Amino acid sequence: MTYDQLPDEWKEWLNLSPLERFARGERMLVEYIAMGGSLDPDPDPTSPFDVPEEWRPDVAHGRAGLRLLRRGAG
């Protein structure tokens, strides 16, 4: 796909400086979080590290939450 074939929205993004893109990205992230978005990763049942028994529900969102990790004394 050439630049001329890109949608106008993409061209506008590409024409911004890296600093302008970063600032817009920050604003988009704030809006995403305000609309209820989450940065918590979804469980990956194909991962060898996925142990469903170690996942607990995320009370705030009702989705899978963080894994419980235990540290030994030391």
PDB file of N, CA and C in Angstrom:
ATOM      1  N   MET A   1       0.846  -1.164   0.000  1.00  0.00           N
ATOM      2  CA  MET A   1       0.000   0.000   0.000  1.00  0.00           C
ATOM      3  C   MET A   1       0.901   1.239   0.000  1.00  0.00           C
ATOM      4  N   THR A   2       0.647   2.143  -0.886  1.00  0.00           N
ATOM      5  CA  THR A   2       1.433   3.376  -0.959  1.00  0.00           C
ATOM      6  C   THR A   2       0.796   4.462  -0.099  1.00  0.00           C
ATOM      7  N   TYR A   3       1.541   5.515   0.122  1.00  0.00           N
ATOM      8  CA  TYR A   3       1.041   6.633   0.924  1.00  0.00           C
ATOM      9  C   TYR A   3      -0.251   7.187   0.339  1.00  0.00           C
ATOM     10  N   ASP A   4      -0.324   7.295  -0.972  1.00  0.00           N
ATOM     11  CA  ASP A   4      -1.517   7.846  -1.617  1.00  0.00           C
ATOM     12  C   ASP A   4      -2.748   6.976  -1.406  1.00  0.00           C
ATOM     13  N   GLN A   5      -2.556   5.688  -1.159  1.00  0.00           N
ATOM     14  CA  GLN A   5      -3.680   4.772  -0.969  1.00  0.00           C
ATOM     15  C   GLN A   5      -4.167   4.733   0.479  1.00  0.00           C
ATOM     16  N   LEU A   6      -3.419   5.340   1.376  1.00  0.00           N
ATOM     17  CA  LEU A   6      -3.800   5.326   2.786  1.00  0.00           C
ATOM     18  C   LEU A   6      -5.024   6.201   3.034  1.00  0.00           C
ATOM     19  N   PRO A   7      -5.840   5.828   4.024  1.00  0.00           N
ATOM     20  CA  PRO A   7      -6.968   6.698   4.399  1.00  0.00           C
ATOM     21  C   PRO A   7      -6.441   8.032   4.926  1.00  0.00           C
ATOM     22  N   ASP A   8      -7.246   9.076   4.783  1.00  0.00           N
ATOM     23  CA  ASP A   8      -6.827  10.416   5.212  1.00  0.00           C
ATOM     24  C   ASP A   8      -6.435  10.457   6.685  1.00  0.00           C
ATOM     25  N   GLU A   9      -7.143   9.693   7.522  1.00  0.00           N
ATOM     26  CA  GLU A   9      -6.836   9.675   8.951  1.00  0.00           C
ATOM     27  C   GLU A   9      -5.408   9.172   9.188  1.00  0.00           C
ATOM     28  N   TRP A  10      -5.003   8.160   8.451  1.00  0.00           N
ATOM     29  CA  TRP A  10      -3.642   7.623   8.595  1.00  0.00           C
ATOM     30  C   TRP A  10      -2.612   8.628   8.099  1.00  0.00           C
ATOM     31  N   LYS A  11      -2.912   9.284   6.993  1.00  0.00           N
ATOM     32  CA  LYS A  11      -1.986  10.297   6.465  1.00  0.00           C
ATOM     33  C   LYS A  11      -1.789  11.414   7.479  1.00  0.00           C
ATOM     34  N   GLU A  12      -2.895  11.845   8.120  1.00  0.00           N
ATOM     35  CA  GLU A  12      -2.811  12.896   9.130  1.00  0.00           C
ATOM     36  C   GLU A  12      -1.893  12.450  10.270  1.00  0.00           C
ATOM     37  N   TRP A  13      -2.024  11.194  10.703  1.00  0.00           N
ATOM     38  CA  TRP A  13      -1.194  10.657  11.788  1.00  0.00           C
ATOM     39  C   TRP A  13       0.281  10.624  11.370  1.00  0.00           C
ATOM     40  N   LEU A  14       0.540  10.166  10.162  1.00  0.00           N
ATOM     41  CA  LEU A  14       1.916  10.063   9.687  1.00  0.00           C
ATOM     42  C   LEU A  14       2.577  11.426   9.497  1.00  0.00           C
ATOM     43  N   ASN A  15       1.785  12.454   9.244  1.00  0.00           N
ATOM     44  CA  ASN A  15       2.320  13.794   9.040  1.00  0.00           C
ATOM     45  C   ASN A  15       2.662  14.495  10.350  1.00  0.00           C
ATOM     46  N   LEU A  16       2.241  13.922  11.481  1.00  0.00           N
ATOM     47  CA  LEU A  16       2.577  14.508  12.778  1.00  0.00           C
ATOM     48  C   LEU A  16       4.031  14.204  13.124  1.00  0.00           C
ATOM     49  N   SER A  17       4.609  15.063  13.947  1.00  0.00           N
ATOM     50  CA  SER A  17       5.958  14.798  14.437  1.00  0.00           C
ATOM     51  C   SER A  17       5.865  13.698  15.501  1.00  0.00           C
ATOM     52  N   PRO A  18       6.976  13.028  15.798  1.00  0.00           N
ATOM     53  CA  PRO A  18       6.934  12.005  16.852  1.00  0.00           C
ATOM     54  C   PRO A  18       6.418  12.553  18.188  1.00  0.00           C
ATOM     55  N   LEU A  19       6.781  13.778  18.545  1.00  0.00           N
ATOM     56  CA  LEU A  19       6.311  14.371  19.789  1.00  0.00           C
ATOM     57  C   LEU A  19       4.794  14.598  19.762  1.00  0.00           C
ATOM     58  N   GLU A  20       4.281  15.048  18.618  1.00  0.00           N
ATOM     59  CA  GLU A  20       2.837  15.246  18.484  1.00  0.00           C
ATOM     60  C   GLU A  20       2.088  13.907  18.554  1.00  0.00           C
ATOM     61  N   ARG A  21       2.645  12.868  17.942  1.00  0.00           N
ATOM     62  CA  ARG A  21       2.024  11.540  18.000  1.00  0.00           C
ATOM     63  C   ARG A  21       2.004  11.023  19.430  1.00  0.00           C
ATOM     64  N   PHE A  22       3.096  11.227  20.166  1.00  0.00           N
ATOM     65  CA  PHE A  22       3.172  10.790  21.549  1.00  0.00           C
ATOM     66  C   PHE A  22       2.102  11.496  22.384  1.00  0.00           C
ATOM     67  N   ALA A  23       1.973  12.809  22.216  1.00  0.00           N
ATOM     68  CA  ALA A  23       0.986  13.578  22.983  1.00  0.00           C
ATOM     69  C   ALA A  23      -0.430  13.112  22.658  1.00  0.00           C
ATOM     70  N   ARG A  24      -0.719  12.883  21.384  1.00  0.00           N
ATOM     71  CA  ARG A  24      -2.055  12.388  21.010  1.00  0.00           C
ATOM     72  C   ARG A  24      -2.289  10.986  21.559  1.00  0.00           C
ATOM     73  N   GLY A  25      -1.254  10.161  21.536  1.00  0.00           N
ATOM     74  CA  GLY A  25      -1.377   8.809  22.078  1.00  0.00           C
ATOM     75  C   GLY A  25      -1.695   8.840  23.566  1.00  0.00           C
ATOM     76  N   GLU A  26      -1.064   9.755  24.291  1.00  0.00           N
ATOM     77  CA  GLU A  26      -1.358   9.907  25.717  1.00  0.00           C
ATOM     78  C   GLU A  26      -2.814  10.294  25.935  1.00  0.00           C
ATOM     79  N   ARG A  27      -3.310  11.224  25.131  1.00  0.00           N
ATOM     80  CA  ARG A  27      -4.708  11.649  25.266  1.00  0.00           C
ATOM     81  C   ARG A  27      -5.654  10.494  24.938  1.00  0.00           C
ATOM     82  N   MET A  28      -5.326   9.706  23.920  1.00  0.00           N
ATOM     83  CA  MET A  28      -6.177   8.566  23.567  1.00  0.00           C
ATOM     84  C   MET A  28      -6.194   7.533  24.688  1.00  0.00           C
ATOM     85  N   LEU A  29      -5.049   7.308  25.330  1.00  0.00           N
ATOM     86  CA  LEU A  29      -4.981   6.352  26.432  1.00  0.00           C
ATOM     87  C   LEU A  29      -5.849   6.821  27.596  1.00  0.00           C
ATOM     88  N   VAL A  30      -5.789   8.103  27.931  1.00  0.00           N
ATOM     89  CA  VAL A  30      -6.614   8.643  29.010  1.00  0.00           C
ATOM     90  C   VAL A  30      -8.095   8.456  28.679  1.00  0.00           C
ATOM     91  N   GLU A  31      -8.487   8.727  27.432  1.00  0.00           N
ATOM     92  CA  GLU A  31      -9.883   8.547  27.024  1.00  0.00           C
ATOM     93  C   GLU A  31     -10.293   7.076  27.100  1.00  0.00           C
ATOM     94  N   TYR A  32      -9.423   6.188  26.669  1.00  0.00           N
ATOM     95  CA  TYR A  32      -9.699   4.751  26.706  1.00  0.00           C
ATOM     96  C   TYR A  32      -9.941   4.275  28.137  1.00  0.00           C
ATOM     97  N   ILE A  33      -9.077   4.699  29.061  1.00  0.00           N
ATOM     98  CA  ILE A  33      -9.223   4.320  30.468  1.00  0.00           C
ATOM     99  C   ILE A  33     -10.512   4.920  31.034  1.00  0.00           C
ATOM    100  N   ALA A  34     -10.816   6.178  30.689  1.00  0.00           N
ATOM    101  CA  ALA A  34     -12.024   6.841  31.183  1.00  0.00           C
ATOM    102  C   ALA A  34     -13.293   6.137  30.693  1.00  0.00           C
ATOM    103  N   MET A  35     -13.230   5.515  29.523  1.00  0.00           N
ATOM    104  CA  MET A  35     -14.398   4.804  28.977  1.00  0.00           C
ATOM    105  C   MET A  35     -14.509   3.386  29.526  1.00  0.00           C
ATOM    106  N   GLY A  36     -13.620   3.019  30.454  1.00  0.00           N
ATOM    107  CA  GLY A  36     -13.706   1.704  31.070  1.00  0.00           C
ATOM    108  C   GLY A  36     -12.729   0.694  30.508  1.00  0.00           C
ATOM    109  N   GLY A  37     -11.826   1.128  29.655  1.00  0.00           N
ATOM    110  CA  GLY A  37     -10.821   0.225  29.110  1.00  0.00           C
ATOM    111  C   GLY A  37      -9.862  -0.239  30.192  1.00  0.00           C
ATOM    112  N   SER A  38      -9.209  -1.356  29.940  1.00  0.00           N
ATOM    113  CA  SER A  38      -8.294  -1.919  30.926  1.00  0.00           C
ATOM    114  C   SER A  38      -6.983  -2.293  30.256  1.00  0.00           C
ATOM    115  N   LEU A  39      -5.905  -2.174  30.997  1.00  0.00           N
ATOM    116  CA  LEU A  39      -4.597  -2.574  30.492  1.00  0.00           C
ATOM    117  C   LEU A  39      -4.215  -3.968  30.980  1.00  0.00           C
ATOM    118  N   ASP A  40      -5.112  -4.594  31.751  1.00  0.00           N
ATOM    119  CA  ASP A  40      -4.855  -5.950  32.225  1.00  0.00           C
ATOM    120  C   ASP A  40      -4.853  -6.909  31.042  1.00  0.00           C
ATOM    121  N   PRO A  41      -3.865  -7.786  30.957  1.00  0.00           N
ATOM    122  CA  PRO A  41      -3.841  -8.740  29.850  1.00  0.00           C
ATOM    123  C   PRO A  41      -4.921  -9.801  30.023  1.00  0.00           C
ATOM    124  N   ASP A  42      -5.445 -10.261  28.918  1.00  0.00           N
ATOM    125  CA  ASP A  42      -6.394 -11.370  28.954  1.00  0.00           C
ATOM    126  C   ASP A  42      -5.611 -12.654  29.165  1.00  0.00           C
ATOM    127  N   PRO A  43      -6.199 -13.633  29.844  1.00  0.00           N
ATOM    128  CA  PRO A  43      -5.495 -14.905  30.019  1.00  0.00           C
ATOM    129  C   PRO A  43      -5.223 -15.561  28.664  1.00  0.00           C
ATOM    130  N   ASP A  44      -4.102 -16.229  28.559  1.00  0.00           N
ATOM    131  CA  ASP A  44      -3.737 -16.926  27.321  1.00  0.00           C
ATOM    132  C   ASP A  44      -3.702 -18.422  27.601  1.00  0.00           C
ATOM    133  N   PRO A  45      -4.786 -19.148  27.270  1.00  0.00           N
ATOM    134  CA  PRO A  45      -4.823 -20.576  27.568  1.00  0.00           C
ATOM    135  C   PRO A  45      -3.806 -21.388  26.777  1.00  0.00           C
ATOM    136  N   THR A  46      -3.190 -20.801  25.746  1.00  0.00           N
ATOM    137  CA  THR A  46      -2.196 -21.533  24.964  1.00  0.00           C
ATOM    138  C   THR A  46      -0.796 -21.403  25.560  1.00  0.00           C
ATOM    139  N   SER A  47      -0.641 -20.517  26.555  1.00  0.00           N
ATOM    140  CA  SER A  47       0.668 -20.306  27.162  1.00  0.00           C
ATOM    141  C   SER A  47       0.997 -21.443  28.121  1.00  0.00           C
ATOM    142  N   PRO A  48       2.248 -21.903  28.125  1.00  0.00           N
ATOM    143  CA  PRO A  48       2.625 -22.939  29.091  1.00  0.00           C
ATOM    144  C   PRO A  48       2.629 -22.400  30.527  1.00  0.00           C
ATOM    145  N   PHE A  49       2.583 -21.072  30.688  1.00  0.00           N
ATOM    146  CA  PHE A  49       2.580 -20.460  32.010  1.00  0.00           C
ATOM    147  C   PHE A  49       1.166 -20.168  32.504  1.00  0.00           C
ATOM    148  N   ASP A  50       0.159 -20.499  31.709  1.00  0.00           N
ATOM    149  CA  ASP A  50      -1.224 -20.254  32.100  1.00  0.00           C
ATOM    150  C   ASP A  50      -1.684 -21.352  33.045  1.00  0.00           C
ATOM    151  N   VAL A  51      -1.935 -20.962  34.279  1.00  0.00           N
ATOM    152  CA  VAL A  51      -2.433 -21.905  35.284  1.00  0.00           C
ATOM    153  C   VAL A  51      -3.761 -21.332  35.776  1.00  0.00           C
ATOM    154  N   PRO A  52      -4.883 -21.813  35.236  1.00  0.00           N
ATOM    155  CA  PRO A  52      -6.184 -21.223  35.589  1.00  0.00           C
ATOM    156  C   PRO A  52      -6.442 -21.154  37.091  1.00  0.00           C
ATOM    157  N   GLU A  53      -5.919 -22.102  37.865  1.00  0.00           N
ATOM    158  CA  GLU A  53      -6.149 -22.091  39.305  1.00  0.00           C
ATOM    159  C   GLU A  53      -5.502 -20.882  39.977  1.00  0.00           C
ATOM    160  N   GLU A  54      -4.504 -20.282  39.333  1.00  0.00           N
ATOM    161  CA  GLU A  54      -3.813 -19.139  39.919  1.00  0.00           C
ATOM    162  C   GLU A  54      -4.437 -17.807  39.526  1.00  0.00           C
ATOM    163  N   TRP A  55      -5.421 -17.817  38.642  1.00  0.00           N
ATOM    164  CA  TRP A  55      -6.097 -16.581  38.253  1.00  0.00           C
ATOM    165  C   TRP A  55      -7.255 -16.350  39.198  1.00  0.00           C
ATOM    166  N   ARG A  56      -7.472 -15.102  39.538  1.00  0.00           N
ATOM    167  CA  ARG A  56      -8.617 -14.772  40.372  1.00  0.00           C
ATOM    168  C   ARG A  56      -9.432 -13.709  39.638  1.00  0.00           C
ATOM    169  N   PRO A  57     -10.715 -13.642  39.893  1.00  0.00           N
ATOM    170  CA  PRO A  57     -11.526 -12.636  39.192  1.00  0.00           C
ATOM    171  C   PRO A  57     -11.128 -11.225  39.603  1.00  0.00           C
ATOM    172  N   ASP A  58     -11.171 -10.349  38.653  1.00  0.00           N
ATOM    173  CA  ASP A  58     -10.893  -8.937  38.913  1.00  0.00           C
ATOM    174  C   ASP A  58     -12.201  -8.315  39.387  1.00  0.00           C
ATOM    175  N   VAL A  59     -12.256  -7.944  40.619  1.00  0.00           N
ATOM    176  CA  VAL A  59     -13.490  -7.460  41.213  1.00  0.00           C
ATOM    177  C   VAL A  59     -14.024  -6.239  40.474  1.00  0.00           C
ATOM    178  N   ALA A  60     -13.154  -5.346  40.046  1.00  0.00           N
ATOM    179  CA  ALA A  60     -13.598  -4.109  39.424  1.00  0.00           C
ATOM    180  C   ALA A  60     -14.228  -4.332  38.061  1.00  0.00           C
ATOM    181  N   HIS A  61     -13.742  -5.283  37.300  1.00  0.00           N
ATOM    182  CA  HIS A  61     -14.213  -5.445  35.930  1.00  0.00           C
ATOM    183  C   HIS A  61     -14.934  -6.766  35.692  1.00  0.00           C
ATOM    184  N   GLY A  62     -14.838  -7.709  36.618  1.00  0.00           N
ATOM    185  CA  GLY A  62     -15.490  -8.994  36.418  1.00  0.00           C
ATOM    186  C   GLY A  62     -14.781  -9.879  35.416  1.00  0.00           C
ATOM    187  N   ARG A  63     -13.574  -9.511  35.044  1.00  0.00           N
ATOM    188  CA  ARG A  63     -12.784 -10.310  34.105  1.00  0.00           C
ATOM    189  C   ARG A  63     -11.605 -10.918  34.841  1.00  0.00           C
ATOM    190  N   ALA A  64     -10.850 -11.712  34.128  1.00  0.00           N
ATOM    191  CA  ALA A  64      -9.676 -12.332  34.747  1.00  0.00           C
ATOM    192  C   ALA A  64      -8.745 -11.259  35.268  1.00  0.00           C
ATOM    193  N   GLY A  65      -8.186 -11.499  36.432  1.00  0.00           N
ATOM    194  CA  GLY A  65      -7.332 -10.505  37.059  1.00  0.00           C
ATOM    195  C   GLY A  65      -5.885 -10.935  37.094  1.00  0.00           C
ATOM    196  N   LEU A  66      -5.209 -10.494  38.103  1.00  0.00           N
ATOM    197  CA  LEU A  66      -3.789 -10.766  38.225  1.00  0.00           C
ATOM    198  C   LEU A  66      -3.555 -12.135  38.850  1.00  0.00           C
ATOM    199  N   ARG A  67      -2.442 -12.727  38.502  1.00  0.00           N
ATOM    200  CA  ARG A  67      -2.067 -13.997  39.109  1.00  0.00           C
ATOM    201  C   ARG A  67      -1.456 -13.735  40.471  1.00  0.00           C
ATOM    202  N   LEU A  68      -1.722 -14.622  41.390  1.00  0.00           N
ATOM    203  CA  LEU A  68      -1.123 -14.509  42.714  1.00  0.00           C
ATOM    204  C   LEU A  68       0.279 -15.086  42.674  1.00  0.00           C
ATOM    205  N   LEU A  69       1.241 -14.295  43.088  1.00  0.00           N
ATOM    206  CA  LEU A  69       2.619 -14.764  43.138  1.00  0.00           C
ATOM    207  C   LEU A  69       3.054 -14.795  44.589  1.00  0.00           C
ATOM    208  N   ARG A  70       3.726 -15.832  44.958  1.00  0.00           N
ATOM    209  CA  ARG A  70       4.203 -15.962  46.334  1.00  0.00           C
ATOM    210  C   ARG A  70       5.721 -15.865  46.340  1.00  0.00           C
ATOM    211  N   ARG A  71       6.231 -15.090  47.273  1.00  0.00           N
ATOM    212  CA  ARG A  71       7.684 -14.963  47.407  1.00  0.00           C
ATOM    213  C   ARG A  71       8.115 -15.654  48.693  1.00  0.00           C
ATOM    214  N   GLY A  72       9.218 -16.313  48.613  1.00  0.00           N
ATOM    215  CA  GLY A  72       9.770 -16.917  49.817  1.00  0.00           C
ATOM    216  C   GLY A  72      10.542 -15.900  50.619  1.00  0.00           C
ATOM    217  N   ALA A  73      10.772 -16.195  51.866  1.00  0.00           N
ATOM    218  CA  ALA A  73      11.562 -15.289  52.705  1.00  0.00           C
ATOM    219  C   ALA A  73      12.999 -15.284  52.187  1.00  0.00           C
ATOM    220  N   GLY A  74      13.520 -14.118  52.067  1.00  0.00           N
ATOM    221  CA  GLY A  74      14.851 -14.229  51.636  1.00  0.00           C
ATOM    222  C   GLY A  74      15.579 -13.090  51.214  1.00  0.00           C
TER     223      GLY A  74
END
